[in-house]
Amino acid sequence: MGDVIKFVRPSATALKQARKETAKGRTLCSRGFHRWVIDARKQFDVEQGRLVTLHRCTRCAATKTSLT
């Protein structure tokens, strides 16, 4: 015969932390809702010869450029 193992239900805070960990990869940025902020370090594109605005996401550090 096998041993009987008692089942212990996790607490509410432990369940909340577990849900938070599983959703970590599925954040707003992965669904296209970035928080864009203008990055003022790079303003001139040598290849195009124009002024560009570099936008950087504060959550995931993704970048996009737009012409000014």
PDB file of N, CA and C in Angstrom:
ATOM      1  N   MET A   1       0.837  -1.183   0.000  1.00  0.00           N
ATOM      2  CA  MET A   1       0.000   0.000   0.000  1.00  0.00           C
ATOM      3  C   MET A   1       0.883   1.248   0.000  1.00  0.00           C
ATOM      4  N   GLY A   2       0.351   2.343  -0.533  1.00  0.00           N
ATOM      5  CA  GLY A   2       1.077   3.600  -0.579  1.00  0.00           C
ATOM      6  C   GLY A   2       0.782   4.462   0.630  1.00  0.00           C
ATOM      7  N   ASP A   3       1.568   5.454   0.787  1.00  0.00           N
ATOM      8  CA  ASP A   3       1.357   6.398   1.883  1.00  0.00           C
ATOM      9  C   ASP A   3       0.252   7.377   1.520  1.00  0.00           C
ATOM     10  N   VAL A   4      -0.486   7.833   2.505  1.00  0.00           N
ATOM     11  CA  VAL A   4      -1.543   8.820   2.307  1.00  0.00           C
ATOM     12  C   VAL A   4      -0.917  10.208   2.476  1.00  0.00           C
ATOM     13  N   ILE A   5      -1.089  11.041   1.471  1.00  0.00           N
ATOM     14  CA  ILE A   5      -0.532  12.394   1.511  1.00  0.00           C
ATOM     15  C   ILE A   5      -1.671  13.370   1.727  1.00  0.00           C
ATOM     16  N   LYS A   6      -1.521  14.226   2.712  1.00  0.00           N
ATOM     17  CA  LYS A   6      -2.543  15.209   3.020  1.00  0.00           C
ATOM     18  C   LYS A   6      -2.424  16.371   2.040  1.00  0.00           C
ATOM     19  N   PHE A   7      -3.537  16.776   1.457  1.00  0.00           N
ATOM     20  CA  PHE A   7      -3.569  17.902   0.525  1.00  0.00           C
ATOM     21  C   PHE A   7      -3.757  19.198   1.300  1.00  0.00           C
ATOM     22  N   VAL A   8      -2.867  20.156   1.071  1.00  0.00           N
ATOM     23  CA  VAL A   8      -2.960  21.447   1.733  1.00  0.00           C
ATOM     24  C   VAL A   8      -3.259  22.495   0.660  1.00  0.00           C
ATOM     25  N   ARG A   9      -4.362  23.181   0.839  1.00  0.00           N
ATOM     26  CA  ARG A   9      -4.753  24.209  -0.120  1.00  0.00           C
ATOM     27  C   ARG A   9      -3.862  25.443   0.075  1.00  0.00           C
ATOM     28  N   PRO A  10      -3.314  26.006  -1.023  1.00  0.00           N
ATOM     29  CA  PRO A  10      -2.475  27.196  -0.889  1.00  0.00           C
ATOM     30  C   PRO A  10      -3.303  28.411  -0.462  1.00  0.00           C
ATOM     31  N   SER A  11      -2.654  29.342   0.186  1.00  0.00           N
ATOM     32  CA  SER A  11      -3.358  30.530   0.666  1.00  0.00           C
ATOM     33  C   SER A  11      -3.717  31.447  -0.497  1.00  0.00           C
ATOM     34  N   ALA A  12      -4.542  32.440  -0.234  1.00  0.00           N
ATOM     35  CA  ALA A  12      -4.990  33.364  -1.275  1.00  0.00           C
ATOM     36  C   ALA A  12      -3.829  34.190  -1.814  1.00  0.00           C
ATOM     37  N   THR A  13      -2.903  34.579  -0.953  1.00  0.00           N
ATOM     38  CA  THR A  13      -1.765  35.374  -1.421  1.00  0.00           C
ATOM     39  C   THR A  13      -0.826  34.538  -2.280  1.00  0.00           C
ATOM     40  N   ALA A  14      -0.685  33.270  -1.942  1.00  0.00           N
ATOM     41  CA  ALA A  14       0.150  32.387  -2.758  1.00  0.00           C
ATOM     42  C   ALA A  14      -0.476  32.175  -4.136  1.00  0.00           C
ATOM     43  N   LEU A  15      -1.796  32.046  -4.191  1.00  0.00           N
ATOM     44  CA  LEU A  15      -2.477  31.905  -5.476  1.00  0.00           C
ATOM     45  C   LEU A  15      -2.329  33.171  -6.319  1.00  0.00           C
ATOM     46  N   LYS A  16      -2.413  34.326  -5.668  1.00  0.00           N
ATOM     47  CA  LYS A  16      -2.275  35.590  -6.384  1.00  0.00           C
ATOM     48  C   LYS A  16      -0.862  35.727  -6.961  1.00  0.00           C
ATOM     49  N   GLN A  17       0.146  35.353  -6.196  1.00  0.00           N
ATOM     50  CA  GLN A  17       1.535  35.400  -6.670  1.00  0.00           C
ATOM     51  C   GLN A  17       1.744  34.430  -7.830  1.00  0.00           C
ATOM     52  N   ALA A  18       1.140  33.254  -7.752  1.00  0.00           N
ATOM     53  CA  ALA A  18       1.270  32.270  -8.820  1.00  0.00           C
ATOM     54  C   ALA A  18       0.630  32.776 -10.106  1.00  0.00           C
ATOM     55  N   ARG A  19      -0.533  33.414 -10.001  1.00  0.00           N
ATOM     56  CA  ARG A  19      -1.188  33.981 -11.179  1.00  0.00           C
ATOM     57  C   ARG A  19      -0.362  35.111 -11.775  1.00  0.00           C
ATOM     58  N   LYS A  20       0.273  35.888 -10.912  1.00  0.00           N
ATOM     59  CA  LYS A  20       1.124  36.980 -11.368  1.00  0.00           C
ATOM     60  C   LYS A  20       2.328  36.456 -12.147  1.00  0.00           C
ATOM     61  N   GLU A  21       2.897  35.357 -11.675  1.00  0.00           N
ATOM     62  CA  GLU A  21       4.054  34.764 -12.356  1.00  0.00           C
ATOM     63  C   GLU A  21       3.672  34.170 -13.706  1.00  0.00           C
ATOM     64  N   THR A  22       2.504  33.536 -13.801  1.00  0.00           N
ATOM     65  CA  THR A  22       2.109  32.952 -15.080  1.00  0.00           C
ATOM     66  C   THR A  22       1.753  34.016 -16.102  1.00  0.00           C
ATOM     67  N   ALA A  23       1.285  35.180 -15.676  1.00  0.00           N
ATOM     68  CA  ALA A  23       0.915  36.251 -16.595  1.00  0.00           C
ATOM     69  C   ALA A  23       2.090  37.160 -16.925  1.00  0.00           C
ATOM     70  N   LYS A  24       3.252  36.878 -16.395  1.00  0.00           N
ATOM     71  CA  LYS A  24       4.393  37.764 -16.577  1.00  0.00           C
ATOM     72  C   LYS A  24       4.765  37.933 -18.053  1.00  0.00           C
ATOM     73  N   GLY A  25       4.689  36.885 -18.843  1.00  0.00           N
ATOM     74  CA  GLY A  25       5.021  36.979 -20.253  1.00  0.00           C
ATOM     75  C   GLY A  25       3.917  37.579 -21.102  1.00  0.00           C
ATOM     76  N   ARG A  26       2.720  37.661 -20.582  1.00  0.00           N
ATOM     77  CA  ARG A  26       1.569  38.162 -21.342  1.00  0.00           C
ATOM     78  C   ARG A  26       1.167  39.541 -20.837  1.00  0.00           C
ATOM     79  N   THR A  27       2.067  40.493 -20.944  1.00  0.00           N
ATOM     80  CA  THR A  27       1.803  41.823 -20.415  1.00  0.00           C
ATOM     81  C   THR A  27       1.153  42.699 -21.476  1.00  0.00           C
ATOM     82  N   LEU A  28       0.966  43.934 -21.139  1.00  0.00           N
ATOM     83  CA  LEU A  28       0.361  44.878 -22.070  1.00  0.00           C
ATOM     84  C   LEU A  28       1.197  45.046 -23.327  1.00  0.00           C
ATOM     85  N   CYS A  29       2.507  45.058 -23.175  1.00  0.00           N
ATOM     86  CA  CYS A  29       3.384  45.266 -24.330  1.00  0.00           C
ATOM     87  C   CYS A  29       3.273  44.132 -25.334  1.00  0.00           C
ATOM     88  N   SER A  30       3.134  42.928 -24.877  1.00  0.00           N
ATOM     89  CA  SER A  30       3.033  41.815 -25.817  1.00  0.00           C
ATOM     90  C   SER A  30       1.724  41.849 -26.589  1.00  0.00           C
ATOM     91  N   ARG A  31       0.742  42.584 -26.093  1.00  0.00           N
ATOM     92  CA  ARG A  31      -0.530  42.726 -26.795  1.00  0.00           C
ATOM     93  C   ARG A  31      -0.607  44.021 -27.596  1.00  0.00           C
ATOM     94  N   GLY A  32       0.506  44.777 -27.637  1.00  0.00           N
ATOM     95  CA  GLY A  32       0.564  45.973 -28.475  1.00  0.00           C
ATOM     96  C   GLY A  32       0.286  47.272 -27.749  1.00  0.00           C
ATOM     97  N   PHE A  33       0.148  47.264 -26.441  1.00  0.00           N
ATOM     98  CA  PHE A  33      -0.139  48.473 -25.679  1.00  0.00           C
ATOM     99  C   PHE A  33       1.133  48.959 -24.992  1.00  0.00           C
ATOM    100  N   HIS A  34       2.043  49.525 -25.775  1.00  0.00           N
ATOM    101  CA  HIS A  34       3.304  50.014 -25.233  1.00  0.00           C
ATOM    102  C   HIS A  34       3.104  51.371 -24.567  1.00  0.00           C
ATOM    103  N   ARG A  35       4.050  51.753 -23.722  1.00  0.00           N
ATOM    104  CA  ARG A  35       4.073  53.081 -23.112  1.00  0.00           C
ATOM    105  C   ARG A  35       5.264  53.821 -23.729  1.00  0.00           C
ATOM    106  N   TRP A  36       4.998  54.545 -24.818  1.00  0.00           N
ATOM    107  CA  TRP A  36       6.078  55.189 -25.568  1.00  0.00           C
ATOM    108  C   TRP A  36       6.502  56.488 -24.921  1.00  0.00           C
ATOM    109  N   VAL A  37       7.815  56.692 -24.829  1.00  0.00           N
ATOM    110  CA  VAL A  37       8.425  57.921 -24.322  1.00  0.00           C
ATOM    111  C   VAL A  37       9.501  58.322 -25.323  1.00  0.00           C
ATOM    112  N   ILE A  38       9.621  59.618 -25.590  1.00  0.00           N
ATOM    113  CA  ILE A  38      10.624  60.093 -26.545  1.00  0.00           C
ATOM    114  C   ILE A  38      12.004  59.993 -25.918  1.00  0.00           C
ATOM    115  N   ASP A  39      12.921  59.355 -26.660  1.00  0.00           N
ATOM    116  CA  ASP A  39      14.309  59.217 -26.228  1.00  0.00           C
ATOM    117  C   ASP A  39      15.122  60.280 -26.951  1.00  0.00           C
ATOM    118  N   ALA A  40      15.660  61.234 -26.211  1.00  0.00           N
ATOM    119  CA  ALA A  40      16.320  62.399 -26.809  1.00  0.00           C
ATOM    120  C   ALA A  40      17.796  62.172 -27.108  1.00  0.00           C
ATOM    121  N   ARG A  41      18.332  60.995 -26.874  1.00  0.00           N
ATOM    122  CA  ARG A  41      19.760  60.771 -27.098  1.00  0.00           C
ATOM    123  C   ARG A  41      20.115  60.744 -28.575  1.00  0.00           C
ATOM    124  N   LYS A  42      19.293  60.115 -29.396  1.00  0.00           N
ATOM    125  CA  LYS A  42      19.595  59.989 -30.823  1.00  0.00           C
ATOM    126  C   LYS A  42      18.532  60.745 -31.612  1.00  0.00           C
ATOM    127  N   GLN A  43      18.939  61.852 -32.273  1.00  0.00           N
ATOM    128  CA  GLN A  43      17.966  62.663 -32.986  1.00  0.00           C
ATOM    129  C   GLN A  43      18.266  62.782 -34.471  1.00  0.00           C
ATOM    130  N   PHE A  44      19.428  62.335 -34.927  1.00  0.00           N
ATOM    131  CA  PHE A  44      19.788  62.470 -36.325  1.00  0.00           C
ATOM    132  C   PHE A  44      20.165  61.119 -36.901  1.00  0.00           C
ATOM    133  N   ASP A  45      19.544  60.760 -38.007  1.00  0.00           N
ATOM    134  CA  ASP A  45      19.833  59.494 -38.666  1.00  0.00           C
ATOM    135  C   ASP A  45      20.809  59.748 -39.805  1.00  0.00           C
ATOM    136  N   VAL A  46      21.984  59.159 -39.734  1.00  0.00           N
ATOM    137  CA  VAL A  46      23.028  59.401 -40.720  1.00  0.00           C
ATOM    138  C   VAL A  46      22.653  58.793 -42.070  1.00  0.00           C
ATOM    139  N   GLU A  47      22.017  57.626 -42.065  1.00  0.00           N
ATOM    140  CA  GLU A  47      21.687  56.955 -43.319  1.00  0.00           C
ATOM    141  C   GLU A  47      20.650  57.731 -44.119  1.00  0.00           C
ATOM    142  N   GLN A  48      19.636  58.261 -43.448  1.00  0.00           N
ATOM    143  CA  GLN A  48      18.596  59.007 -44.145  1.00  0.00           C
ATOM    144  C   GLN A  48      18.955  60.483 -44.278  1.00  0.00           C
ATOM    145  N   GLY A  49      19.830  60.983 -43.424  1.00  0.00           N
ATOM    146  CA  GLY A  49      20.189  62.394 -43.441  1.00  0.00           C
ATOM    147  C   GLY A  49      19.089  63.291 -42.931  1.00  0.00           C
ATOM    148  N   ARG A  50      18.269  62.803 -42.035  1.00  0.00           N
ATOM    149  CA  ARG A  50      17.141  63.571 -41.512  1.00  0.00           C
ATOM    150  C   ARG A  50      17.101  63.508 -39.989  1.00  0.00           C
ATOM    151  N   LEU A  51      16.329  64.419 -39.446  1.00  0.00           N
ATOM    152  CA  LEU A  51      16.038  64.356 -38.017  1.00  0.00           C
ATOM    153  C   LEU A  51      14.957  63.312 -37.789  1.00  0.00           C
ATOM    154  N   VAL A  52      15.149  62.468 -36.820  1.00  0.00           N
ATOM    155  CA  VAL A  52      14.163  61.449 -36.472  1.00  0.00           C
ATOM    156  C   VAL A  52      13.892  61.512 -34.980  1.00  0.00           C
ATOM    157  N   THR A  53      12.738  61.034 -34.598  1.00  0.00           N
ATOM    158  CA  THR A  53      12.386  60.935 -33.187  1.00  0.00           C
ATOM    159  C   THR A  53      12.412  59.465 -32.813  1.00  0.00           C
ATOM    160  N   LEU A  54      13.156  59.131 -31.788  1.00  0.00           N
ATOM    161  CA  LEU A  54      13.248  57.756 -31.324  1.00  0.00           C
ATOM    162  C   LEU A  54      12.327  57.591 -30.125  1.00  0.00           C
ATOM    163  N   HIS A  55      11.369  56.688 -30.247  1.00  0.00           N
ATOM    164  CA  HIS A  55      10.436  56.388 -29.168  1.00  0.00           C
ATOM    165  C   HIS A  55      10.871  55.081 -28.528  1.00  0.00           C
ATOM    166  N   ARG A  56      10.896  55.030 -27.193  1.00  0.00           N
ATOM    167  CA  ARG A  56      11.293  53.837 -26.462  1.00  0.00           C
ATOM    168  C   ARG A  56      10.198  53.504 -25.452  1.00  0.00           C
ATOM    169  N   CYS A  57       9.845  52.216 -25.374  1.00  0.00           N
ATOM    170  CA  CYS A  57       8.836  51.768 -24.415  1.00  0.00           C
ATOM    171  C   CYS A  57       9.478  51.674 -23.031  1.00  0.00           C
ATOM    172  N   THR A  58       8.817  52.225 -22.030  1.00  0.00           N
ATOM    173  CA  THR A  58       9.369  52.209 -20.677  1.00  0.00           C
ATOM    174  C   THR A  58       9.250  50.836 -20.031  1.00  0.00           C
ATOM    175  N   ARG A  59       8.304  50.015 -20.497  1.00  0.00           N
ATOM    176  CA  ARG A  59       8.124  48.698 -19.894  1.00  0.00           C
ATOM    177  C   ARG A  59       9.070  47.655 -20.459  1.00  0.00           C
ATOM    178  N   CYS A  60       9.170  47.582 -21.797  1.00  0.00           N
ATOM    179  CA  CYS A  60       9.916  46.478 -22.410  1.00  0.00           C
ATOM    180  C   CYS A  60      11.122  46.944 -23.216  1.00  0.00           C
ATOM    181  N   ALA A  61      11.390  48.239 -23.296  1.00  0.00           N
ATOM    182  CA  ALA A  61      12.531  48.827 -23.996  1.00  0.00           C
ATOM    183  C   ALA A  61      12.494  48.592 -25.501  1.00  0.00           C
ATOM    184  N   ALA A  62      11.330  48.378 -26.090  1.00  0.00           N
ATOM    185  CA  ALA A  62      11.203  48.298 -27.543  1.00  0.00           C
ATOM    186  C   ALA A  62      11.351  49.699 -28.108  1.00  0.00           C
ATOM    187  N   THR A  63      11.815  49.803 -29.352  1.00  0.00           N
ATOM    188  CA  THR A  63      12.020  51.118 -29.968  1.00  0.00           C
ATOM    189  C   THR A  63      11.286  51.214 -31.285  1.00  0.00           C
ATOM    190  N   LYS A  64      10.909  52.446 -31.627  1.00  0.00           N
ATOM    191  CA  LYS A  64      10.365  52.754 -32.941  1.00  0.00           C
ATOM    192  C   LYS A  64      10.809  54.159 -33.299  1.00  0.00           C
ATOM    193  N   THR A  65      10.936  54.437 -34.560  1.00  0.00           N
ATOM    194  CA  THR A  65      11.380  55.758 -35.013  1.00  0.00           C
ATOM    195  C   THR A  65      10.303  56.391 -35.860  1.00  0.00           C
ATOM    196  N   SER A  66      10.270  57.710 -35.847  1.00  0.00           N
ATOM    197  CA  SER A  66       9.367  58.454 -36.697  1.00  0.00           C
ATOM    198  C   SER A  66      10.094  59.720 -37.145  1.00  0.00           C
ATOM    199  N   LEU A  67       9.748  60.193 -38.324  1.00  0.00           N
ATOM    200  CA  LEU A  67      10.362  61.410 -38.843  1.00  0.00           C
ATOM    201  C   LEU A  67       9.744  62.622 -38.176  1.00  0.00           C
ATOM    202  N   THR A  68      10.575  63.622 -37.899  1.00  0.00           N
ATOM    203  CA  THR A  68      10.057  64.848 -37.291  1.00  0.00           C
ATOM    204  C   THR A  68       9.850  65.926 -38.289  1.00  0.00           C
TER     205      THR A  68
END
